[in-house]
């Protein structure tokens, strides 16, 4: 889930996030709008405060990867 979507769905205000991250509301706005990326500590804080709904990868426009097929080889002794 994108950070901006989480903000809307959760009802958490940008000002509250800014306070929790000890930064300015304008920085949170730029992060939510995709203008800048969060710092490493902000990635972690956003992930935690969203209960894992906004993982760091969601800040990048990465293609969705298909699931890897199950490996039918068994592990351990035969």
PDB file of N, CA and C in Angstrom:
ATOM      1  N   UNK A   1       0.849  -1.171   0.000  1.00  0.00           N
ATOM      2  CA  UNK A   1       0.000   0.000   0.000  1.00  0.00           C
ATOM      3  C   UNK A   1       0.900   1.241   0.000  1.00  0.00           C
ATOM      4  N   UNK A   2       0.546   2.190  -0.810  1.00  0.00           N
ATOM      5  CA  UNK A   2       1.301   3.444  -0.840  1.00  0.00           C
ATOM      6  C   UNK A   2       1.042   4.248   0.433  1.00  0.00           C
ATOM      7  N   UNK A   3       2.028   5.026   0.824  1.00  0.00           N
ATOM      8  CA  UNK A   3       1.941   5.838   2.031  1.00  0.00           C
ATOM      9  C   UNK A   3       0.746   6.778   1.968  1.00  0.00           C
ATOM     10  N   UNK A   4       0.552   7.433   0.830  1.00  0.00           N
ATOM     11  CA  UNK A   4      -0.571   8.376   0.696  1.00  0.00           C
ATOM     12  C   UNK A   4      -1.913   7.655   0.860  1.00  0.00           C
ATOM     13  N   UNK A   5      -2.023   6.434   0.333  1.00  0.00           N
ATOM     14  CA  UNK A   5      -3.254   5.653   0.482  1.00  0.00           C
ATOM     15  C   UNK A   5      -3.485   5.311   1.952  1.00  0.00           C
ATOM     16  N   UNK A   6      -2.417   4.925   2.634  1.00  0.00           N
ATOM     17  CA  UNK A   6      -2.543   4.582   4.049  1.00  0.00           C
ATOM     18  C   UNK A   6      -2.989   5.790   4.869  1.00  0.00           C
ATOM     19  N   UNK A   7      -2.415   6.955   4.571  1.00  0.00           N
ATOM     20  CA  UNK A   7      -2.821   8.165   5.288  1.00  0.00           C
ATOM     21  C   UNK A   7      -4.322   8.401   5.131  1.00  0.00           C
ATOM     22  N   UNK A   8      -4.829   8.275   3.903  1.00  0.00           N
ATOM     23  CA  UNK A   8      -6.255   8.490   3.648  1.00  0.00           C
ATOM     24  C   UNK A   8      -7.112   7.448   4.349  1.00  0.00           C
ATOM     25  N   UNK A   9      -6.753   6.178   4.199  1.00  0.00           N
ATOM     26  CA  UNK A   9      -7.566   5.099   4.766  1.00  0.00           C
ATOM     27  C   UNK A   9      -7.535   5.073   6.290  1.00  0.00           C
ATOM     28  N   UNK A  10      -6.383   5.383   6.855  1.00  0.00           N
ATOM     29  CA  UNK A  10      -6.244   5.309   8.311  1.00  0.00           C
ATOM     30  C   UNK A  10      -6.779   6.545   9.012  1.00  0.00           C
ATOM     31  N   UNK A  11      -6.838   7.656   8.283  1.00  0.00           N
ATOM     32  CA  UNK A  11      -7.265   8.907   8.893  1.00  0.00           C
ATOM     33  C   UNK A  11      -6.173   9.599   9.695  1.00  0.00           C
ATOM     34  N   UNK A  12      -4.955   9.055   9.651  1.00  0.00           N
ATOM     35  CA  UNK A  12      -3.833   9.679  10.356  1.00  0.00           C
ATOM     36  C   UNK A  12      -3.427  10.935   9.592  1.00  0.00           C
ATOM     37  N   UNK A  13      -3.293  12.026  10.305  1.00  0.00           N
ATOM     38  CA  UNK A  13      -2.941  13.311   9.697  1.00  0.00           C
ATOM     39  C   UNK A  13      -1.437  13.416   9.492  1.00  0.00           C
ATOM     40  N   UNK A  14      -1.059  14.107   8.426  1.00  0.00           N
ATOM     41  CA  UNK A  14       0.359  14.310   8.134  1.00  0.00           C
ATOM     42  C   UNK A  14       1.072  15.001   9.296  1.00  0.00           C
ATOM     43  N   UNK A  15       0.398  15.926   9.949  1.00  0.00           N
ATOM     44  CA  UNK A  15       1.005  16.635  11.088  1.00  0.00           C
ATOM     45  C   UNK A  15       1.352  15.658  12.216  1.00  0.00           C
ATOM     46  N   UNK A  16       0.475  14.680  12.454  1.00  0.00           N
ATOM     47  CA  UNK A  16       0.730  13.675  13.498  1.00  0.00           C
ATOM     48  C   UNK A  16       1.945  12.822  13.126  1.00  0.00           C
ATOM     49  N   UNK A  17       2.012  12.407  11.857  1.00  0.00           N
ATOM     50  CA  UNK A  17       3.169  11.627  11.396  1.00  0.00           C
ATOM     51  C   UNK A  17       4.439  12.460  11.540  1.00  0.00           C
ATOM     52  N   UNK A  18       4.373  13.723  11.169  1.00  0.00           N
ATOM     53  CA  UNK A  18       5.537  14.602  11.282  1.00  0.00           C
ATOM     54  C   UNK A  18       6.008  14.693  12.732  1.00  0.00           C
ATOM     55  N   UNK A  19       5.071  14.816  13.646  1.00  0.00           N
ATOM     56  CA  UNK A  19       5.426  14.885  15.068  1.00  0.00           C
ATOM     57  C   UNK A  19       6.086  13.587  15.520  1.00  0.00           C
ATOM     58  N   UNK A  20       5.499  12.456  15.130  1.00  0.00           N
ATOM     59  CA  UNK A  20       6.048  11.160  15.524  1.00  0.00           C
ATOM     60  C   UNK A  20       7.439  10.922  14.934  1.00  0.00           C
ATOM     61  N   UNK A  21       7.673  11.444  13.732  1.00  0.00           N
ATOM     62  CA  UNK A  21       8.970  11.259  13.080  1.00  0.00           C
ATOM     63  C   UNK A  21       9.935  12.401  13.365  1.00  0.00           C
ATOM     64  N   UNK A  22       9.485  13.359  14.182  1.00  0.00           N
ATOM     65  CA  UNK A  22      10.321  14.504  14.539  1.00  0.00           C
ATOM     66  C   UNK A  22      10.816  15.249  13.298  1.00  0.00           C
ATOM     67  N   UNK A  23       9.871  15.555  12.412  1.00  0.00           N
ATOM     68  CA  UNK A  23      10.189  16.276  11.186  1.00  0.00           C
ATOM     69  C   UNK A  23       9.042  17.232  10.878  1.00  0.00           C
ATOM     70  N   UNK A  24       9.143  17.932   9.778  1.00  0.00           N
ATOM     71  CA  UNK A  24       8.115  18.896   9.414  1.00  0.00           C
ATOM     72  C   UNK A  24       7.000  18.282   8.580  1.00  0.00           C
ATOM     73  N   UNK A  25       5.820  18.893   8.646  1.00  0.00           N
ATOM     74  CA  UNK A  25       4.678  18.433   7.860  1.00  0.00           C
ATOM     75  C   UNK A  25       4.972  18.513   6.367  1.00  0.00           C
ATOM     76  N   UNK A  26       5.729  19.526   5.945  1.00  0.00           N
ATOM     77  CA  UNK A  26       6.029  19.650   4.513  1.00  0.00           C
ATOM     78  C   UNK A  26       6.863  18.467   4.019  1.00  0.00           C
ATOM     79  N   UNK A  27       7.747  17.951   4.860  1.00  0.00           N
ATOM     80  CA  UNK A  27       8.532  16.773   4.469  1.00  0.00           C
ATOM     81  C   UNK A  27       7.613  15.561   4.308  1.00  0.00           C
ATOM     82  N   UNK A  28       6.681  15.384   5.232  1.00  0.00           N
ATOM     83  CA  UNK A  28       5.741  14.263   5.150  1.00  0.00           C
ATOM     84  C   UNK A  28       4.878  14.405   3.891  1.00  0.00           C
ATOM     85  N   UNK A  29       4.468  15.610   3.577  1.00  0.00           N
ATOM     86  CA  UNK A  29       3.685  15.855   2.370  1.00  0.00           C
ATOM     87  C   UNK A  29       4.483  15.468   1.121  1.00  0.00           C
ATOM     88  N   UNK A  30       5.742  15.844   1.080  1.00  0.00           N
ATOM     89  CA  UNK A  30       6.587  15.509  -0.084  1.00  0.00           C
ATOM     90  C   UNK A  30       6.802  14.002  -0.185  1.00  0.00           C
ATOM     91  N   UNK A  31       6.933  13.328   0.958  1.00  0.00           N
ATOM     92  CA  UNK A  31       7.060  11.866   0.943  1.00  0.00           C
ATOM     93  C   UNK A  31       5.766  11.250   0.430  1.00  0.00           C
ATOM     94  N   UNK A  32       4.631  11.690   0.949  1.00  0.00           N
ATOM     95  CA  UNK A  32       3.330  11.142   0.551  1.00  0.00           C
ATOM     96  C   UNK A  32       3.050  11.370  -0.930  1.00  0.00           C
ATOM     97  N   UNK A  33       3.532  12.481  -1.467  1.00  0.00           N
ATOM     98  CA  UNK A  33       3.295  12.805  -2.877  1.00  0.00           C
ATOM     99  C   UNK A  33       4.351  12.228  -3.807  1.00  0.00           C
ATOM    100  N   UNK A  34       5.304  11.487  -3.247  1.00  0.00           N
ATOM    101  CA  UNK A  34       6.326  10.845  -4.078  1.00  0.00           C
ATOM    102  C   UNK A  34       7.412  11.768  -4.573  1.00  0.00           C
ATOM    103  N   UNK A  35       7.510  12.953  -4.001  1.00  0.00           N
ATOM    104  CA  UNK A  35       8.535  13.918  -4.429  1.00  0.00           C
ATOM    105  C   UNK A  35       9.914  13.553  -3.889  1.00  0.00           C
ATOM    106  N   UNK A  36       9.941  12.986  -2.672  1.00  0.00           N
ATOM    107  CA  UNK A  36      11.191  12.567  -2.045  1.00  0.00           C
ATOM    108  C   UNK A  36      10.981  11.208  -1.389  1.00  0.00           C
ATOM    109  N   UNK A  37      12.071  10.517  -1.138  1.00  0.00           N
ATOM    110  CA  UNK A  37      12.009   9.252  -0.416  1.00  0.00           C
ATOM    111  C   UNK A  37      12.287   9.488   1.057  1.00  0.00           C
ATOM    112  N   UNK A  38      11.695   8.677   1.903  1.00  0.00           N
ATOM    113  CA  UNK A  38      12.008   8.785   3.328  1.00  0.00           C
ATOM    114  C   UNK A  38      13.471   8.407   3.585  1.00  0.00           C
ATOM    115  N   UNK A  39      13.994   8.907   4.699  1.00  0.00           N
ATOM    116  CA  UNK A  39      15.302   8.458   5.161  1.00  0.00           C
ATOM    117  C   UNK A  39      15.134   7.047   5.723  1.00  0.00           C
ATOM    118  N   UNK A  40      16.235   6.369   5.938  1.00  0.00           N
ATOM    119  CA  UNK A  40      16.173   4.989   6.424  1.00  0.00           C
ATOM    120  C   UNK A  40      15.336   4.867   7.701  1.00  0.00           C
ATOM    121  N   UNK A  41      15.579   5.747   8.670  1.00  0.00           N
ATOM    122  CA  UNK A  41      14.817   5.677   9.918  1.00  0.00           C
ATOM    123  C   UNK A  41      13.334   5.956   9.687  1.00  0.00           C
ATOM    124  N   UNK A  42      13.023   6.805   8.705  1.00  0.00           N
ATOM    125  CA  UNK A  42      11.621   7.112   8.388  1.00  0.00           C
ATOM    126  C   UNK A  42      10.937   5.913   7.724  1.00  0.00           C
ATOM    127  N   UNK A  43      11.672   5.194   6.861  1.00  0.00           N
ATOM    128  CA  UNK A  43      11.121   3.972   6.267  1.00  0.00           C
ATOM    129  C   UNK A  43      10.661   3.028   7.372  1.00  0.00           C
ATOM    130  N   UNK A  44      11.535   2.822   8.349  1.00  0.00           N
ATOM    131  CA  UNK A  44      11.232   1.903   9.446  1.00  0.00           C
ATOM    132  C   UNK A  44      10.042   2.407  10.255  1.00  0.00           C
ATOM    133  N   UNK A  45      10.043   3.683  10.606  1.00  0.00           N
ATOM    134  CA  UNK A  45       8.956   4.247  11.408  1.00  0.00           C
ATOM    135  C   UNK A  45       7.615   4.169  10.691  1.00  0.00           C
ATOM    136  N   UNK A  46       7.603   4.465   9.405  1.00  0.00           N
ATOM    137  CA  UNK A  46       6.356   4.393   8.627  1.00  0.00           C
ATOM    138  C   UNK A  46       5.868   2.953   8.562  1.00  0.00           C
ATOM    139  N   UNK A  47       6.781   2.023   8.361  1.00  0.00           N
ATOM    140  CA  UNK A  47       6.423   0.609   8.330  1.00  0.00           C
ATOM    141  C   UNK A  47       5.792   0.179   9.657  1.00  0.00           C
ATOM    142  N   UNK A  48       6.407   0.576  10.752  1.00  0.00           N
ATOM    143  CA  UNK A  48       5.915   0.197  12.079  1.00  0.00           C
ATOM    144  C   UNK A  48       4.573   0.868  12.378  1.00  0.00           C
ATOM    145  N   UNK A  49       4.466   2.180  12.134  1.00  0.00           N
ATOM    146  CA  UNK A  49       3.221   2.870  12.479  1.00  0.00           C
ATOM    147  C   UNK A  49       2.046   2.431  11.611  1.00  0.00           C
ATOM    148  N   UNK A  50       2.344   1.894  10.417  1.00  0.00           N
ATOM    149  CA  UNK A  50       1.265   1.399   9.551  1.00  0.00           C
ATOM    150  C   UNK A  50       0.995  -0.086   9.782  1.00  0.00           C
ATOM    151  N   UNK A  51       1.599  -0.649  10.825  1.00  0.00           N
ATOM    152  CA  UNK A  51       1.450  -2.084  11.117  1.00  0.00           C
ATOM    153  C   UNK A  51       1.826  -2.946   9.915  1.00  0.00           C
ATOM    154  N   UNK A  52       2.867  -2.519   9.209  1.00  0.00           N
ATOM    155  CA  UNK A  52       3.378  -3.291   8.084  1.00  0.00           C
ATOM    156  C   UNK A  52       2.641  -3.094   6.776  1.00  0.00           C
ATOM    157  N   UNK A  53       1.645  -2.224   6.747  1.00  0.00           N
ATOM    158  CA  UNK A  53       0.879  -2.009   5.513  1.00  0.00           C
ATOM    159  C   UNK A  53       1.639  -1.181   4.484  1.00  0.00           C
ATOM    160  N   UNK A  54       2.634  -0.405   4.936  1.00  0.00           N
ATOM    161  CA  UNK A  54       3.432   0.425   4.024  1.00  0.00           C
ATOM    162  C   UNK A  54       4.898   0.005   4.163  1.00  0.00           C
ATOM    163  N   UNK A  55       5.285  -1.087   3.477  1.00  0.00           N
ATOM    164  CA  UNK A  55       6.676  -1.505   3.534  1.00  0.00           C
ATOM    165  C   UNK A  55       7.555  -0.602   2.662  1.00  0.00           C
ATOM    166  N   UNK A  56       8.846  -0.577   2.918  1.00  0.00           N
ATOM    167  CA  UNK A  56       9.744   0.280   2.145  1.00  0.00           C
ATOM    168  C   UNK A  56       9.637   0.098   0.628  1.00  0.00           C
ATOM    169  N   UNK A  57       9.417  -1.126   0.167  1.00  0.00           N
ATOM    170  CA  UNK A  57       9.321  -1.351  -1.281  1.00  0.00           C
ATOM    171  C   UNK A  57       8.185  -0.567  -1.928  1.00  0.00           C
ATOM    172  N   UNK A  58       7.167  -0.218  -1.162  1.00  0.00           N
ATOM    173  CA  UNK A  58       6.023   0.493  -1.728  1.00  0.00           C
ATOM    174  C   UNK A  58       6.337   1.941  -2.090  1.00  0.00           C
ATOM    175  N   UNK A  59       7.522   2.417  -1.737  1.00  0.00           N
ATOM    176  CA  UNK A  59       7.926   3.765  -2.123  1.00  0.00           C
ATOM    177  C   UNK A  59       8.602   3.772  -3.493  1.00  0.00           C
ATOM    178  N   UNK A  60       8.819   2.604  -4.038  1.00  0.00           N
ATOM    179  CA  UNK A  60       9.457   2.476  -5.342  1.00  0.00           C
ATOM    180  C   UNK A  60       8.459   1.881  -6.313  1.00  0.00           C
ATOM    181  N   UNK A  61       8.526   2.301  -7.554  1.00  0.00           N
ATOM    182  CA  UNK A  61       7.626   1.765  -8.572  1.00  0.00           C
ATOM    183  C   UNK A  61       8.247   0.512  -9.172  1.00  0.00           C
ATOM    184  N   UNK A  62       8.222  -0.557  -8.383  1.00  0.00           N
ATOM    185  CA  UNK A  62       8.785  -1.821  -8.814  1.00  0.00           C
ATOM    186  C   UNK A  62       7.689  -2.662  -9.458  1.00  0.00           C
ATOM    187  N   UNK A  63       8.061  -3.436 -10.475  1.00  0.00           N
ATOM    188  CA  UNK A  63       7.048  -4.311 -11.070  1.00  0.00           C
ATOM    189  C   UNK A  63       6.687  -5.424 -10.095  1.00  0.00           C
ATOM    190  N   UNK A  64       5.477  -5.912 -10.218  1.00  0.00           N
ATOM    191  CA  UNK A  64       5.041  -7.040  -9.404  1.00  0.00           C
ATOM    192  C   UNK A  64       5.677  -8.295  -9.972  1.00  0.00           C
ATOM    193  N   UNK A  65       6.326  -9.031  -9.123  1.00  0.00           N
ATOM    194  CA  UNK A  65       6.996 -10.251  -9.562  1.00  0.00           C
ATOM    195  C   UNK A  65       6.047 -11.431  -9.374  1.00  0.00           C
ATOM    196  N   UNK A  66       5.991 -12.305 -10.382  1.00  0.00           N
ATOM    197  CA  UNK A  66       5.144 -13.491 -10.209  1.00  0.00           C
ATOM    198  C   UNK A  66       5.744 -14.391  -9.136  1.00  0.00           C
ATOM    199  N   UNK A  67       4.899 -15.127  -8.441  1.00  0.00           N
ATOM    200  CA  UNK A  67       5.442 -16.028  -7.420  1.00  0.00           C
ATOM    201  C   UNK A  67       6.334 -17.078  -8.064  1.00  0.00           C
ATOM    202  N   UNK A  68       7.373 -17.427  -7.358  1.00  0.00           N
ATOM    203  CA  UNK A  68       8.283 -18.453  -7.856  1.00  0.00           C
ATOM    204  C   UNK A  68       7.607 -19.809  -7.726  1.00  0.00           C
ATOM    205  N   UNK A  69       7.731 -20.652  -8.745  1.00  0.00           N
ATOM    206  CA  UNK A  69       7.091 -21.970  -8.636  1.00  0.00           C
ATOM    207  C   UNK A  69       7.715 -22.762  -7.487  1.00  0.00           C
ATOM    208  N   UNK A  70       6.900 -23.604  -6.876  1.00  0.00           N
ATOM    209  CA  UNK A  70       7.402 -24.430  -5.767  1.00  0.00           C
ATOM    210  C   UNK A  70       8.468 -25.364  -6.278  1.00  0.00           C
ATOM    211  N   UNK A  71       9.504 -25.503  -5.498  1.00  0.00           N
ATOM    212  CA  UNK A  71      10.574 -26.425  -5.827  1.00  0.00           C
ATOM    213  C   UNK A  71      10.150 -27.796  -5.329  1.00  0.00           C
ATOM    214  N   UNK A  72      10.035 -28.775  -6.219  1.00  0.00           N
ATOM    215  CA  UNK A  72       9.540 -30.084  -5.841  1.00  0.00           C
ATOM    216  C   UNK A  72      10.612 -30.960  -5.209  1.00  0.00           C
ATOM    217  N   UNK A  73      11.852 -30.468  -5.148  1.00  0.00           N
ATOM    218  CA  UNK A  73      12.924 -31.242  -4.531  1.00  0.00           C
ATOM    219  C   UNK A  73      12.747 -31.222  -3.034  1.00  0.00           C
ATOM    220  N   UNK A  74      12.839 -32.358  -2.416  1.00  0.00           N
ATOM    221  CA  UNK A  74      12.720 -32.409  -0.972  1.00  0.00           C
ATOM    222  C   UNK A  74      14.084 -32.166  -0.341  1.00  0.00           C
ATOM    223  N   UNK A  75      14.080 -31.601   0.825  1.00  0.00           N
ATOM    224  CA  UNK A  75      15.336 -31.391   1.523  1.00  0.00           C
ATOM    225  C   UNK A  75      15.497 -32.482   2.568  1.00  0.00           C
ATOM    226  N   UNK A  76      16.695 -32.824   2.843  1.00  0.00           N
ATOM    227  CA  UNK A  76      16.954 -33.853   3.845  1.00  0.00           C
ATOM    228  C   UNK A  76      17.329 -35.163   3.195  1.00  0.00           C
ATOM    229  N   UNK A  77      17.440 -36.170   4.007  1.00  0.00           N
ATOM    230  CA  UNK A  77      17.872 -37.479   3.514  1.00  0.00           C
ATOM    231  C   UNK A  77      16.758 -38.158   2.743  1.00  0.00           C
ATOM    232  N   UNK A  78      17.158 -38.977   1.753  1.00  0.00           N
ATOM    233  CA  UNK A  78      16.184 -39.692   0.933  1.00  0.00           C
ATOM    234  C   UNK A  78      15.880 -41.054   1.468  1.00  0.00           C
TER     235      UNK A  78
END
